[in-house]
Amino acid sequence: MTLACLVRTGQRWISRWQEERSLANKPRRGRPRVTTPQQDAQIVAASRTNSKKTAVSIPRDLQIQCTPQTTRRRLRENSINCHVPACKEVLNENHRETRLGFAMQYLGVDVNFWNSHF
């Protein structure tokens, strides 16, 4: 059998098998994950169920102890983009009248006016 690796790499794997009888990944450095795979699945499911939920509300609703940053990471790992839904102010009659007045004031103005003033 032919492998596309260096001879030294093959020797290292054979030596490891002879010593440990295992080729499983060894624990690596770094902080362990705060959430379990089941919790990760719950976070993703909650986001897919209601896309308006935030990274703050998802763990709170699921009673998972993790930060919003962790929630965002779990969502990104599953190709879900995190964003805050836009909050739009409801326009009342005064807003409408003010906007209409502004539009009527500049109704006949040339397009170049806007380029030079804004």
PDB file of N, CA and C in Angstrom:
ATOM      1  N   MET A   1       0.846  -1.171   0.000  1.00  0.00           N
ATOM      2  CA  MET A   1       0.000   0.000   0.000  1.00  0.00           C
ATOM      3  C   MET A   1       0.899   1.244   0.000  1.00  0.00           C
ATOM      4  N   THR A   2       0.499   2.270  -0.748  1.00  0.00           N
ATOM      5  CA  THR A   2       1.265   3.497  -0.863  1.00  0.00           C
ATOM      6  C   THR A   2       0.500   4.643  -0.212  1.00  0.00           C
ATOM      7  N   LEU A   3       1.200   5.413   0.626  1.00  0.00           N
ATOM      8  CA  LEU A   3       0.607   6.585   1.264  1.00  0.00           C
ATOM      9  C   LEU A   3       1.337   7.834   0.799  1.00  0.00           C
ATOM     10  N   ALA A   4       0.622   8.916   0.718  1.00  0.00           N
ATOM     11  CA  ALA A   4       1.215  10.178   0.284  1.00  0.00           C
ATOM     12  C   ALA A   4       1.679  10.955   1.510  1.00  0.00           C
ATOM     13  N   CYS A   5       2.699  10.444   2.186  1.00  0.00           N
ATOM     14  CA  CYS A   5       3.265  11.140   3.339  1.00  0.00           C
ATOM     15  C   CYS A   5       4.745  10.772   3.451  1.00  0.00           C
ATOM     16  N   LEU A   6       5.434  11.490   4.277  1.00  0.00           N
ATOM     17  CA  LEU A   6       6.849  11.214   4.487  1.00  0.00           C
ATOM     18  C   LEU A   6       7.039   9.888   5.220  1.00  0.00           C
ATOM     19  N   VAL A   7       8.157   9.228   4.967  1.00  0.00           N
ATOM     20  CA  VAL A   7       8.465   7.963   5.635  1.00  0.00           C
ATOM     21  C   VAL A   7       8.488   8.170   7.143  1.00  0.00           C
ATOM     22  N   ARG A   8       9.042   9.275   7.591  1.00  0.00           N
ATOM     23  CA  ARG A   8       9.136   9.567   9.025  1.00  0.00           C
ATOM     24  C   ARG A   8       7.742   9.672   9.656  1.00  0.00           C
ATOM     25  N   THR A   9       6.808  10.220   8.932  1.00  0.00           N
ATOM     26  CA  THR A   9       5.441  10.323   9.446  1.00  0.00           C
ATOM     27  C   THR A   9       4.845   8.935   9.632  1.00  0.00           C
ATOM     28  N   GLY A  10       5.022   8.077   8.654  1.00  0.00           N
ATOM     29  CA  GLY A  10       4.538   6.700   8.770  1.00  0.00           C
ATOM     30  C   GLY A  10       5.181   5.978   9.942  1.00  0.00           C
ATOM     31  N   GLN A  11       6.484   6.159  10.113  1.00  0.00           N
ATOM     32  CA  GLN A  11       7.183   5.520  11.233  1.00  0.00           C
ATOM     33  C   GLN A  11       6.643   6.014  12.578  1.00  0.00           C
ATOM     34  N   ARG A  12       6.328   7.292  12.649  1.00  0.00           N
ATOM     35  CA  ARG A  12       5.803   7.870  13.887  1.00  0.00           C
ATOM     36  C   ARG A  12       4.435   7.262  14.231  1.00  0.00           C
ATOM     37  N   TRP A  13       3.573   7.074  13.218  1.00  0.00           N
ATOM     38  CA  TRP A  13       2.262   6.480  13.458  1.00  0.00           C
ATOM     39  C   TRP A  13       2.381   5.014  13.871  1.00  0.00           C
ATOM     40  N   ILE A  14       3.275   4.294  13.238  1.00  0.00           N
ATOM     41  CA  ILE A  14       3.491   2.885  13.602  1.00  0.00           C
ATOM     42  C   ILE A  14       4.014   2.791  15.026  1.00  0.00           C
ATOM     43  N   SER A  15       4.973   3.637  15.371  1.00  0.00           N
ATOM     44  CA  SER A  15       5.524   3.652  16.728  1.00  0.00           C
ATOM     45  C   SER A  15       4.442   3.979  17.752  1.00  0.00           C
ATOM     46  N   ARG A  16       3.601   4.929  17.432  1.00  0.00           N
ATOM     47  CA  ARG A  16       2.532   5.297  18.359  1.00  0.00           C
ATOM     48  C   ARG A  16       1.558   4.143  18.556  1.00  0.00           C
ATOM     49  N   TRP A  17       1.238   3.435  17.479  1.00  0.00           N
ATOM     50  CA  TRP A  17       0.333   2.289  17.590  1.00  0.00           C
ATOM     51  C   TRP A  17       0.954   1.193  18.467  1.00  0.00           C
ATOM     52  N   GLN A  18       2.233   0.946  18.275  1.00  0.00           N
ATOM     53  CA  GLN A  18       2.896  -0.091  19.065  1.00  0.00           C
ATOM     54  C   GLN A  18       2.945   0.263  20.548  1.00  0.00           C
ATOM     55  N   GLU A  19       3.100   1.540  20.873  1.00  0.00           N
ATOM     56  CA  GLU A  19       3.186   1.962  22.272  1.00  0.00           C
ATOM     57  C   GLU A  19       1.823   2.087  22.944  1.00  0.00           C
ATOM     58  N   GLU A  20       0.848   2.643  22.238  1.00  0.00           N
ATOM     59  CA  GLU A  20      -0.419   2.991  22.875  1.00  0.00           C
ATOM     60  C   GLU A  20      -1.597   2.139  22.427  1.00  0.00           C
ATOM     61  N   ARG A  21      -1.448   1.387  21.324  1.00  0.00           N
ATOM     62  CA  ARG A  21      -2.534   0.612  20.747  1.00  0.00           C
ATOM     63  C   ARG A  21      -3.745   1.487  20.411  1.00  0.00           C
ATOM     64  N   SER A  22      -3.457   2.735  20.071  1.00  0.00           N
ATOM     65  CA  SER A  22      -4.516   3.663  19.707  1.00  0.00           C
ATOM     66  C   SER A  22      -3.942   4.753  18.817  1.00  0.00           C
ATOM     67  N   LEU A  23      -4.751   5.178  17.864  1.00  0.00           N
ATOM     68  CA  LEU A  23      -4.372   6.305  17.005  1.00  0.00           C
ATOM     69  C   LEU A  23      -5.334   7.472  17.199  1.00  0.00           C
ATOM     70  N   ALA A  24      -6.131   7.410  18.265  1.00  0.00           N
ATOM     71  CA  ALA A  24      -7.125   8.455  18.528  1.00  0.00           C
ATOM     72  C   ALA A  24      -6.434   9.783  18.826  1.00  0.00           C
ATOM     73  N   ASN A  25      -7.151  10.853  18.568  1.00  0.00           N
ATOM     74  CA  ASN A  25      -6.618  12.179  18.861  1.00  0.00           C
ATOM     75  C   ASN A  25      -6.357  12.317  20.348  1.00  0.00           C
ATOM     76  N   LYS A  26      -5.248  12.915  20.684  1.00  0.00           N
ATOM     77  CA  LYS A  26      -4.921  13.178  22.081  1.00  0.00           C
ATOM     78  C   LYS A  26      -5.500  14.530  22.477  1.00  0.00           C
ATOM     79  N   PRO A  27      -5.725  14.724  23.771  1.00  0.00           N
ATOM     80  CA  PRO A  27      -6.210  16.046  24.214  1.00  0.00           C
ATOM     81  C   PRO A  27      -5.214  17.130  23.822  1.00  0.00           C
ATOM     82  N   ARG A  28      -5.758  18.235  23.368  1.00  0.00           N
ATOM     83  CA  ARG A  28      -4.903  19.345  22.948  1.00  0.00           C
ATOM     84  C   ARG A  28      -4.991  20.476  23.952  1.00  0.00           C
ATOM     85  N   ARG A  29      -4.095  21.407  23.800  1.00  0.00           N
ATOM     86  CA  ARG A  29      -4.088  22.574  24.661  1.00  0.00           C
ATOM     87  C   ARG A  29      -5.285  23.449  24.343  1.00  0.00           C
ATOM     88  N   GLY A  30      -5.584  24.328  25.262  1.00  0.00           N
ATOM     89  CA  GLY A  30      -6.684  25.245  25.052  1.00  0.00           C
ATOM     90  C   GLY A  30      -7.823  24.947  26.008  1.00  0.00           C
ATOM     91  N   ARG A  31      -8.673  25.907  26.137  1.00  0.00           N
ATOM     92  CA  ARG A  31      -9.794  25.780  27.049  1.00  0.00           C
ATOM     93  C   ARG A  31     -10.834  24.817  26.480  1.00  0.00           C
ATOM     94  N   PRO A  32     -11.369  23.935  27.315  1.00  0.00           N
ATOM     95  CA  PRO A  32     -12.410  23.037  26.816  1.00  0.00           C
ATOM     96  C   PRO A  32     -13.698  23.803  26.500  1.00  0.00           C
ATOM     97  N   ARG A  33     -14.512  23.238  25.648  1.00  0.00           N
ATOM     98  CA  ARG A  33     -15.765  23.880  25.270  1.00  0.00           C
ATOM     99  C   ARG A  33     -16.698  23.952  26.474  1.00  0.00           C
ATOM    100  N   VAL A  34     -17.428  25.048  26.550  1.00  0.00           N
ATOM    101  CA  VAL A  34     -18.367  25.264  27.645  1.00  0.00           C
ATOM    102  C   VAL A  34     -19.663  24.503  27.394  1.00  0.00           C
ATOM    103  N   THR A  35     -20.022  24.356  26.129  1.00  0.00           N
ATOM    104  CA  THR A  35     -21.274  23.706  25.782  1.00  0.00           C
ATOM    105  C   THR A  35     -21.038  22.291  25.268  1.00  0.00           C
ATOM    106  N   THR A  36     -22.029  21.450  25.467  1.00  0.00           N
ATOM    107  CA  THR A  36     -21.972  20.079  24.970  1.00  0.00           C
ATOM    108  C   THR A  36     -22.517  20.042  23.545  1.00  0.00           C
ATOM    109  N   PRO A  37     -22.283  18.958  22.820  1.00  0.00           N
ATOM    110  CA  PRO A  37     -22.858  18.864  21.475  1.00  0.00           C
ATOM    111  C   PRO A  37     -24.391  18.967  21.475  1.00  0.00           C
ATOM    112  N   GLN A  38     -25.043  18.455  22.511  1.00  0.00           N
ATOM    113  CA  GLN A  38     -26.498  18.557  22.606  1.00  0.00           C
ATOM    114  C   GLN A  38     -26.921  20.016  22.777  1.00  0.00           C
ATOM    115  N   GLN A  39     -26.209  20.756  23.608  1.00  0.00           N
ATOM    116  CA  GLN A  39     -26.517  22.169  23.801  1.00  0.00           C
ATOM    117  C   GLN A  39     -26.258  22.953  22.519  1.00  0.00           C
ATOM    118  N   ASP A  40     -25.197  22.600  21.817  1.00  0.00           N
ATOM    119  CA  ASP A  40     -24.914  23.256  20.531  1.00  0.00           C
ATOM    120  C   ASP A  40     -26.085  23.060  19.573  1.00  0.00           C
ATOM    121  N   ALA A  41     -26.617  21.837  19.524  1.00  0.00           N
ATOM    122  CA  ALA A  41     -27.755  21.542  18.648  1.00  0.00           C
ATOM    123  C   ALA A  41     -28.993  22.334  19.081  1.00  0.00           C
ATOM    124  N   GLN A  42     -29.183  22.491  20.386  1.00  0.00           N
ATOM    125  CA  GLN A  42     -30.321  23.267  20.881  1.00  0.00           C
ATOM    126  C   GLN A  42     -30.194  24.739  20.478  1.00  0.00           C
ATOM    127  N   ILE A  43     -29.000  25.277  20.576  1.00  0.00           N
ATOM    128  CA  ILE A  43     -28.757  26.679  20.200  1.00  0.00           C
ATOM    129  C   ILE A  43     -29.076  26.887  18.725  1.00  0.00           C
ATOM    130  N   VAL A  44     -28.586  25.989  17.885  1.00  0.00           N
ATOM    131  CA  VAL A  44     -28.822  26.098  16.442  1.00  0.00           C
ATOM    132  C   VAL A  44     -30.309  25.956  16.138  1.00  0.00           C
ATOM    133  N   ALA A  45     -30.969  24.990  16.777  1.00  0.00           N
ATOM    134  CA  ALA A  45     -32.402  24.781  16.537  1.00  0.00           C
ATOM    135  C   ALA A  45     -33.207  25.999  16.966  1.00  0.00           C
ATOM    136  N   ALA A  46     -32.852  26.600  18.106  1.00  0.00           N
ATOM    137  CA  ALA A  46     -33.575  27.783  18.587  1.00  0.00           C
ATOM    138  C   ALA A  46     -33.422  28.939  17.606  1.00  0.00           C
ATOM    139  N   SER A  47     -32.243  29.090  17.036  1.00  0.00           N
ATOM    140  CA  SER A  47     -32.014  30.169  16.082  1.00  0.00           C
ATOM    141  C   SER A  47     -32.774  29.928  14.786  1.00  0.00           C
ATOM    142  N   ARG A  48     -32.811  28.691  14.335  1.00  0.00           N
ATOM    143  CA  ARG A  48     -33.522  28.379  13.090  1.00  0.00           C
ATOM    144  C   ARG A  48     -35.031  28.472  13.279  1.00  0.00           C
ATOM    145  N   THR A  49     -35.511  28.180  14.488  1.00  0.00           N
ATOM    146  CA  THR A  49     -36.939  28.268  14.762  1.00  0.00           C
ATOM    147  C   THR A  49     -37.410  29.713  14.744  1.00  0.00           C
ATOM    148  N   ASN A  50     -36.619  30.586  15.367  1.00  0.00           N
ATOM    149  CA  ASN A  50     -36.977  32.000  15.421  1.00  0.00           C
ATOM    150  C   ASN A  50     -35.729  32.817  15.113  1.00  0.00           C
ATOM    151  N   SER A  51     -35.631  33.317  13.889  1.00  0.00           N
ATOM    152  CA  SER A  51     -34.420  34.026  13.461  1.00  0.00           C
ATOM    153  C   SER A  51     -34.261  35.384  14.145  1.00  0.00           C
ATOM    154  N   LYS A  52     -35.291  35.864  14.836  1.00  0.00           N
ATOM    155  CA  LYS A  52     -35.200  37.154  15.513  1.00  0.00           C
ATOM    156  C   LYS A  52     -34.647  37.030  16.932  1.00  0.00           C
ATOM    157  N   LYS A  53     -34.403  35.813  17.400  1.00  0.00           N
ATOM    158  CA  LYS A  53     -33.820  35.639  18.729  1.00  0.00           C
ATOM    159  C   LYS A  53     -32.376  36.112  18.712  1.00  0.00           C
ATOM    160  N   THR A  54     -31.945  36.678  19.815  1.00  0.00           N
ATOM    161  CA  THR A  54     -30.586  37.211  19.899  1.00  0.00           C
ATOM    162  C   THR A  54     -29.671  36.223  20.617  1.00  0.00           C
ATOM    163  N   ALA A  55     -28.374  36.491  20.534  1.00  0.00           N
ATOM    164  CA  ALA A  55     -27.393  35.645  21.200  1.00  0.00           C
ATOM    165  C   ALA A  55     -27.507  35.761  22.711  1.00  0.00           C
ATOM    166  N   VAL A  56     -28.170  36.781  23.201  1.00  0.00           N
ATOM    167  CA  VAL A  56     -28.389  36.931  24.643  1.00  0.00           C
ATOM    168  C   VAL A  56     -29.603  36.106  25.066  1.00  0.00           C
ATOM    169  N   SER A  57     -30.651  36.136  24.257  1.00  0.00           N
ATOM    170  CA  SER A  57     -31.900  35.469  24.661  1.00  0.00           C
ATOM    171  C   SER A  57     -31.871  33.953  24.469  1.00  0.00           C
ATOM    172  N   ILE A  58     -31.127  33.455  23.493  1.00  0.00           N
ATOM    173  CA  ILE A  58     -31.124  32.015  23.219  1.00  0.00           C
ATOM    174  C   ILE A  58     -30.636  31.216  24.428  1.00  0.00           C
ATOM    175  N   PRO A  59     -29.444  31.481  24.978  1.00  0.00           N
ATOM    176  CA  PRO A  59     -29.022  30.676  26.130  1.00  0.00           C
ATOM    177  C   PRO A  59     -29.902  30.907  27.363  1.00  0.00           C
ATOM    178  N   ARG A  60     -30.425  32.126  27.496  1.00  0.00           N
ATOM    179  CA  ARG A  60     -31.299  32.409  28.636  1.00  0.00           C
ATOM    180  C   ARG A  60     -32.571  31.573  28.548  1.00  0.00           C
ATOM    181  N   ASP A  61     -33.165  31.517  27.355  1.00  0.00           N
ATOM    182  CA  ASP A  61     -34.385  30.732  27.164  1.00  0.00           C
ATOM    183  C   ASP A  61     -34.141  29.234  27.328  1.00  0.00           C
ATOM    184  N   LEU A  62     -32.977  28.773  26.883  1.00  0.00           N
ATOM    185  CA  LEU A  62     -32.648  27.345  26.970  1.00  0.00           C
ATOM    186  C   LEU A  62     -32.016  26.964  28.316  1.00  0.00           C
ATOM    187  N   GLN A  63     -31.760  27.968  29.144  1.00  0.00           N
ATOM    188  CA  GLN A  63     -31.107  27.777  30.451  1.00  0.00           C
ATOM    189  C   GLN A  63     -29.736  27.107  30.295  1.00  0.00           C
ATOM    190  N   ILE A  64     -28.966  27.644  29.359  1.00  0.00           N
ATOM    191  CA  ILE A  64     -27.593  27.193  29.122  1.00  0.00           C
ATOM    192  C   ILE A  64     -26.661  28.268  29.649  1.00  0.00           C
ATOM    193  N   GLN A  65     -25.666  27.868  30.411  1.00  0.00           N
ATOM    194  CA  GLN A  65     -24.713  28.814  30.976  1.00  0.00           C
ATOM    195  C   GLN A  65     -23.578  29.057  29.982  1.00  0.00           C
ATOM    196  N   CYS A  66     -23.756  30.062  29.132  1.00  0.00           N
ATOM    197  CA  CYS A  66     -22.682  30.454  28.218  1.00  0.00           C
ATOM    198  C   CYS A  66     -22.871  31.921  27.861  1.00  0.00           C
ATOM    199  N   THR A  67     -21.819  32.520  27.376  1.00  0.00           N
ATOM    200  CA  THR A  67     -21.857  33.943  27.026  1.00  0.00           C
ATOM    201  C   THR A  67     -22.480  34.127  25.640  1.00  0.00           C
ATOM    202  N   PRO A  68     -22.924  35.338  25.341  1.00  0.00           N
ATOM    203  CA  PRO A  68     -23.425  35.608  23.989  1.00  0.00           C
ATOM    204  C   PRO A  68     -22.371  35.334  22.911  1.00  0.00           C
ATOM    205  N   GLN A  69     -21.103  35.594  23.235  1.00  0.00           N
ATOM    206  CA  GLN A  69     -20.036  35.331  22.262  1.00  0.00           C
ATOM    207  C   GLN A  69     -19.955  33.840  21.932  1.00  0.00           C
ATOM    208  N   THR A  70     -20.116  32.979  22.948  1.00  0.00           N
ATOM    209  CA  THR A  70     -20.113  31.540  22.712  1.00  0.00           C
ATOM    210  C   THR A  70     -21.288  31.155  21.825  1.00  0.00           C
ATOM    211  N   THR A  71     -22.443  31.736  22.087  1.00  0.00           N
ATOM    212  CA  THR A  71     -23.629  31.459  21.272  1.00  0.00           C
ATOM    213  C   THR A  71     -23.370  31.858  19.823  1.00  0.00           C
ATOM    214  N   ARG A  72     -22.781  33.028  19.614  1.00  0.00           N
ATOM    215  CA  ARG A  72     -22.470  33.473  18.255  1.00  0.00           C
ATOM    216  C   ARG A  72     -21.503  32.512  17.569  1.00  0.00           C
ATOM    217  N   ARG A  73     -20.507  32.021  18.316  1.00  0.00           N
ATOM    218  CA  ARG A  73     -19.542  31.071  17.751  1.00  0.00           C
ATOM    219  C   ARG A  73     -20.240  29.792  17.299  1.00  0.00           C
ATOM    220  N   ARG A  74     -21.129  29.279  18.137  1.00  0.00           N
ATOM    221  CA  ARG A  74     -21.837  28.035  17.800  1.00  0.00           C
ATOM    222  C   ARG A  74     -22.697  28.233  16.562  1.00  0.00           C
ATOM    223  N   LEU A  75     -23.324  29.398  16.443  1.00  0.00           N
ATOM    224  CA  LEU A  75     -24.145  29.673  15.270  1.00  0.00           C
ATOM    225  C   LEU A  75     -23.280  29.797  14.025  1.00  0.00           C
ATOM    226  N   ARG A  76     -22.146  30.497  14.147  1.00  0.00           N
ATOM    227  CA  ARG A  76     -21.245  30.646  13.000  1.00  0.00           C
ATOM    228  C   ARG A  76     -20.684  29.298  12.551  1.00  0.00           C
ATOM    229  N   GLU A  77     -20.423  28.400  13.514  1.00  0.00           N
ATOM    230  CA  GLU A  77     -19.923  27.064  13.165  1.00  0.00           C
ATOM    231  C   GLU A  77     -20.932  26.325  12.290  1.00  0.00           C
ATOM    232  N   ASN A  78     -22.192  26.695  12.400  1.00  0.00           N
ATOM    233  CA  ASN A  78     -23.257  26.065  11.619  1.00  0.00           C
ATOM    234  C   ASN A  78     -23.745  26.968  10.488  1.00  0.00           C
ATOM    235  N   SER A  79     -22.903  27.883  10.076  1.00  0.00           N
ATOM    236  CA  SER A  79     -23.164  28.789   8.946  1.00  0.00           C
ATOM    237  C   SER A  79     -24.408  29.648   9.139  1.00  0.00           C
ATOM    238  N   ILE A  80     -24.644  30.071  10.376  1.00  0.00           N
ATOM    239  CA  ILE A  80     -25.741  30.985  10.658  1.00  0.00           C
ATOM    240  C   ILE A  80     -25.117  32.326  11.018  1.00  0.00           C
ATOM    241  N   ASN A  81     -25.423  33.353  10.244  1.00  0.00           N
ATOM    242  CA  ASN A  81     -24.884  34.681  10.510  1.00  0.00           C
ATOM    243  C   ASN A  81     -25.648  35.333  11.647  1.00  0.00           C
ATOM    244  N   CYS A  82     -24.924  35.949  12.537  1.00  0.00           N
ATOM    245  CA  CYS A  82     -25.532  36.616  13.687  1.00  0.00           C
ATOM    246  C   CYS A  82     -25.696  38.094  13.370  1.00  0.00           C
ATOM    247  N   HIS A  83     -26.858  38.598  13.668  1.00  0.00           N
ATOM    248  CA  HIS A  83     -27.091  40.023  13.498  1.00  0.00           C
ATOM    249  C   HIS A  83     -28.237  40.442  14.396  1.00  0.00           C
ATOM    250  N   VAL A  84     -28.256  41.689  14.715  1.00  0.00           N
ATOM    251  CA  VAL A  84     -29.318  42.248  15.537  1.00  0.00           C
ATOM    252  C   VAL A  84     -30.422  42.723  14.605  1.00  0.00           C
ATOM    253  N   PRO A  85     -31.652  42.292  14.835  1.00  0.00           N
ATOM    254  CA  PRO A  85     -32.735  42.755  13.956  1.00  0.00           C
ATOM    255  C   PRO A  85     -32.873  44.270  14.019  1.00  0.00           C
ATOM    256  N   ALA A  86     -33.184  44.865  12.891  1.00  0.00           N
ATOM    257  CA  ALA A  86     -33.354  46.308  12.843  1.00  0.00           C
ATOM    258  C   ALA A  86     -34.610  46.715  13.600  1.00  0.00           C
ATOM    259  N   CYS A  87     -34.489  47.743  14.406  1.00  0.00           N
ATOM    260  CA  CYS A  87     -35.637  48.283  15.135  1.00  0.00           C
ATOM    261  C   CYS A  87     -36.065  49.554  14.412  1.00  0.00           C
ATOM    262  N   LYS A  88     -37.268  49.547  13.924  1.00  0.00           N
ATOM    263  CA  LYS A  88     -37.763  50.699  13.186  1.00  0.00           C
ATOM    264  C   LYS A  88     -38.802  51.429  14.015  1.00  0.00           C
ATOM    265  N   GLU A  89     -38.690  52.733  14.013  1.00  0.00           N
ATOM    266  CA  GLU A  89     -39.656  53.548  14.731  1.00  0.00           C
ATOM    267  C   GLU A  89     -40.955  53.608  13.932  1.00  0.00           C
ATOM    268  N   VAL A  90     -42.067  53.480  14.621  1.00  0.00           N
ATOM    269  CA  VAL A  90     -43.362  53.576  13.959  1.00  0.00           C
ATOM    270  C   VAL A  90     -43.635  55.054  13.687  1.00  0.00           C
ATOM    271  N   LEU A  91     -43.964  55.353  12.441  1.00  0.00           N
ATOM    272  CA  LEU A  91     -44.213  56.744  12.068  1.00  0.00           C
ATOM    273  C   LEU A  91     -45.619  57.159  12.481  1.00  0.00           C
ATOM    274  N   ASN A  92     -45.694  58.298  13.143  1.00  0.00           N
ATOM    275  CA  ASN A  92     -47.013  58.829  13.481  1.00  0.00           C
ATOM    276  C   ASN A  92     -47.380  59.935  12.480  1.00  0.00           C
ATOM    277  N   GLU A  93     -48.516  60.541  12.667  1.00  0.00           N
ATOM    278  CA  GLU A  93     -49.000  61.555  11.731  1.00  0.00           C
ATOM    279  C   GLU A  93     -48.049  62.756  11.646  1.00  0.00           C
ATOM    280  N   ASN A  94     -47.450  63.142  12.776  1.00  0.00           N
ATOM    281  CA  ASN A  94     -46.511  64.266  12.784  1.00  0.00           C
ATOM    282  C   ASN A  94     -45.286  63.960  11.927  1.00  0.00           C
ATOM    283  N   HIS A  95     -44.771  62.731  12.032  1.00  0.00           N
ATOM    284  CA  HIS A  95     -43.626  62.338  11.212  1.00  0.00           C
ATOM    285  C   HIS A  95     -43.983  62.428   9.728  1.00  0.00           C
ATOM    286  N   ARG A  96     -45.144  61.913   9.386  1.00  0.00           N
ATOM    287  CA  ARG A  96     -45.568  61.913   7.982  1.00  0.00           C
ATOM    288  C   ARG A  96     -45.669  63.346   7.434  1.00  0.00           C
ATOM    289  N   GLU A  97     -46.268  64.219   8.212  1.00  0.00           N
ATOM    290  CA  GLU A  97     -46.415  65.612   7.774  1.00  0.00           C
ATOM    291  C   GLU A  97     -45.062  66.291   7.610  1.00  0.00           C
ATOM    292  N   THR A  98     -44.147  66.030   8.547  1.00  0.00           N
ATOM    293  CA  THR A  98     -42.811  66.628   8.477  1.00  0.00           C
ATOM    294  C   THR A  98     -42.066  66.133   7.244  1.00  0.00           C
ATOM    295  N   ARG A  99     -42.137  64.843   6.973  1.00  0.00           N
ATOM    296  CA  ARG A  99     -41.461  64.291   5.794  1.00  0.00           C
ATOM    297  C   ARG A  99     -42.062  64.841   4.500  1.00  0.00           C
ATOM    298  N   LEU A 100     -43.381  64.931   4.473  1.00  0.00           N
ATOM    299  CA  LEU A 100     -44.037  65.460   3.287  1.00  0.00           C
ATOM    300  C   LEU A 100     -43.645  66.925   3.073  1.00  0.00           C
ATOM    301  N   GLY A 101     -43.573  67.700   4.151  1.00  0.00           N
ATOM    302  CA  GLY A 101     -43.160  69.098   4.043  1.00  0.00           C
ATOM    303  C   GLY A 101     -41.744  69.223   3.509  1.00  0.00           C
ATOM    304  N   PHE A 102     -40.826  68.370   3.985  1.00  0.00           N
ATOM    305  CA  PHE A 102     -39.443  68.374   3.507  1.00  0.00           C
ATOM    306  C   PHE A 102     -39.405  68.052   2.011  1.00  0.00           C
ATOM    307  N   ALA A 103     -40.165  67.030   1.621  1.00  0.00           N
ATOM    308  CA  ALA A 103     -40.181  66.627   0.212  1.00  0.00           C
ATOM    309  C   ALA A 103     -40.742  67.740  -0.678  1.00  0.00           C
ATOM    310  N   MET A 104     -41.803  68.393  -0.209  1.00  0.00           N
ATOM    311  CA  MET A 104     -42.410  69.471  -1.003  1.00  0.00           C
ATOM    312  C   MET A 104     -41.471  70.677  -1.104  1.00  0.00           C
ATOM    313  N   GLN A 105     -40.697  70.939  -0.042  1.00  0.00           N
ATOM    314  CA  GLN A 105     -39.774  72.064  -0.024  1.00  0.00           C
ATOM    315  C   GLN A 105     -38.692  71.902  -1.089  1.00  0.00           C
ATOM    316  N   TYR A 106     -38.227  70.674  -1.311  1.00  0.00           N
ATOM    317  CA  TYR A 106     -37.127  70.422  -2.248  1.00  0.00           C
ATOM    318  C   TYR A 106     -37.606  69.730  -3.523  1.00  0.00           C
ATOM    319  N   LEU A 107     -38.862  69.850  -3.833  1.00  0.00           N
ATOM    320  CA  LEU A 107     -39.441  69.160  -4.982  1.00  0.00           C
ATOM    321  C   LEU A 107     -38.789  69.552  -6.307  1.00  0.00           C
ATOM    322  N   GLY A 108     -38.553  70.819  -6.544  1.00  0.00           N
ATOM    323  CA  GLY A 108     -38.019  71.266  -7.828  1.00  0.00           C
ATOM    324  C   GLY A 108     -36.509  71.408  -7.861  1.00  0.00           C
ATOM    325  N   VAL A 109     -35.805  70.961  -6.856  1.00  0.00           N
ATOM    326  CA  VAL A 109     -34.353  71.154  -6.778  1.00  0.00           C
ATOM    327  C   VAL A 109     -33.643  70.186  -7.718  1.00  0.00           C
ATOM    328  N   ASP A 110     -32.562  70.691  -8.353  1.00  0.00           N
ATOM    329  CA  ASP A 110     -31.764  69.879  -9.256  1.00  0.00           C
ATOM    330  C   ASP A 110     -31.003  68.796  -8.485  1.00  0.00           C
ATOM    331  N   VAL A 111     -30.728  67.681  -9.159  1.00  0.00           N
ATOM    332  CA  VAL A 111     -30.025  66.558  -8.535  1.00  0.00           C
ATOM    333  C   VAL A 111     -28.649  66.973  -8.021  1.00  0.00           C
ATOM    334  N   ASN A 112     -27.959  67.860  -8.721  1.00  0.00           N
ATOM    335  CA  ASN A 112     -26.628  68.304  -8.312  1.00  0.00           C
ATOM    336  C   ASN A 112     -26.660  69.016  -6.954  1.00  0.00           C
ATOM    337  N   PHE A 113     -27.792  69.575  -6.581  1.00  0.00           N
ATOM    338  CA  PHE A 113     -27.925  70.215  -5.275  1.00  0.00           C
ATOM    339  C   PHE A 113     -27.610  69.226  -4.150  1.00  0.00           C
ATOM    340  N   TRP A 114     -28.116  68.023  -4.292  1.00  0.00           N
ATOM    341  CA  TRP A 114     -27.924  67.008  -3.248  1.00  0.00           C
ATOM    342  C   TRP A 114     -26.444  66.575  -3.182  1.00  0.00           C
ATOM    343  N   ASN A 115     -25.783  66.515  -4.314  1.00  0.00           N
ATOM    344  CA  ASN A 115     -24.367  66.131  -4.331  1.00  0.00           C
ATOM    345  C   ASN A 115     -23.501  67.175  -3.647  1.00  0.00           C
ATOM    346  N   SER A 116     -23.853  68.428  -3.770  1.00  0.00           N
ATOM    347  CA  SER A 116     -23.013  69.482  -3.229  1.00  0.00           C
ATOM    348  C   SER A 116     -23.310  69.794  -1.746  1.00  0.00           C
ATOM    349  N   HIS A 117     -24.483  69.431  -1.266  1.00  0.00           N
ATOM    350  CA  HIS A 117     -24.864  69.785   0.111  1.00  0.00           C
ATOM    351  C   HIS A 117     -24.837  68.623   1.089  1.00  0.00           C
ATOM    352  N   PHE A 118     -24.772  67.404   0.605  1.00  0.00           N
ATOM    353  CA  PHE A 118     -24.834  66.254   1.533  1.00  0.00           C
ATOM    354  C   PHE A 118     -23.772  65.242   1.269  1.00  0.00           C
TER     355      PHE A 118
END
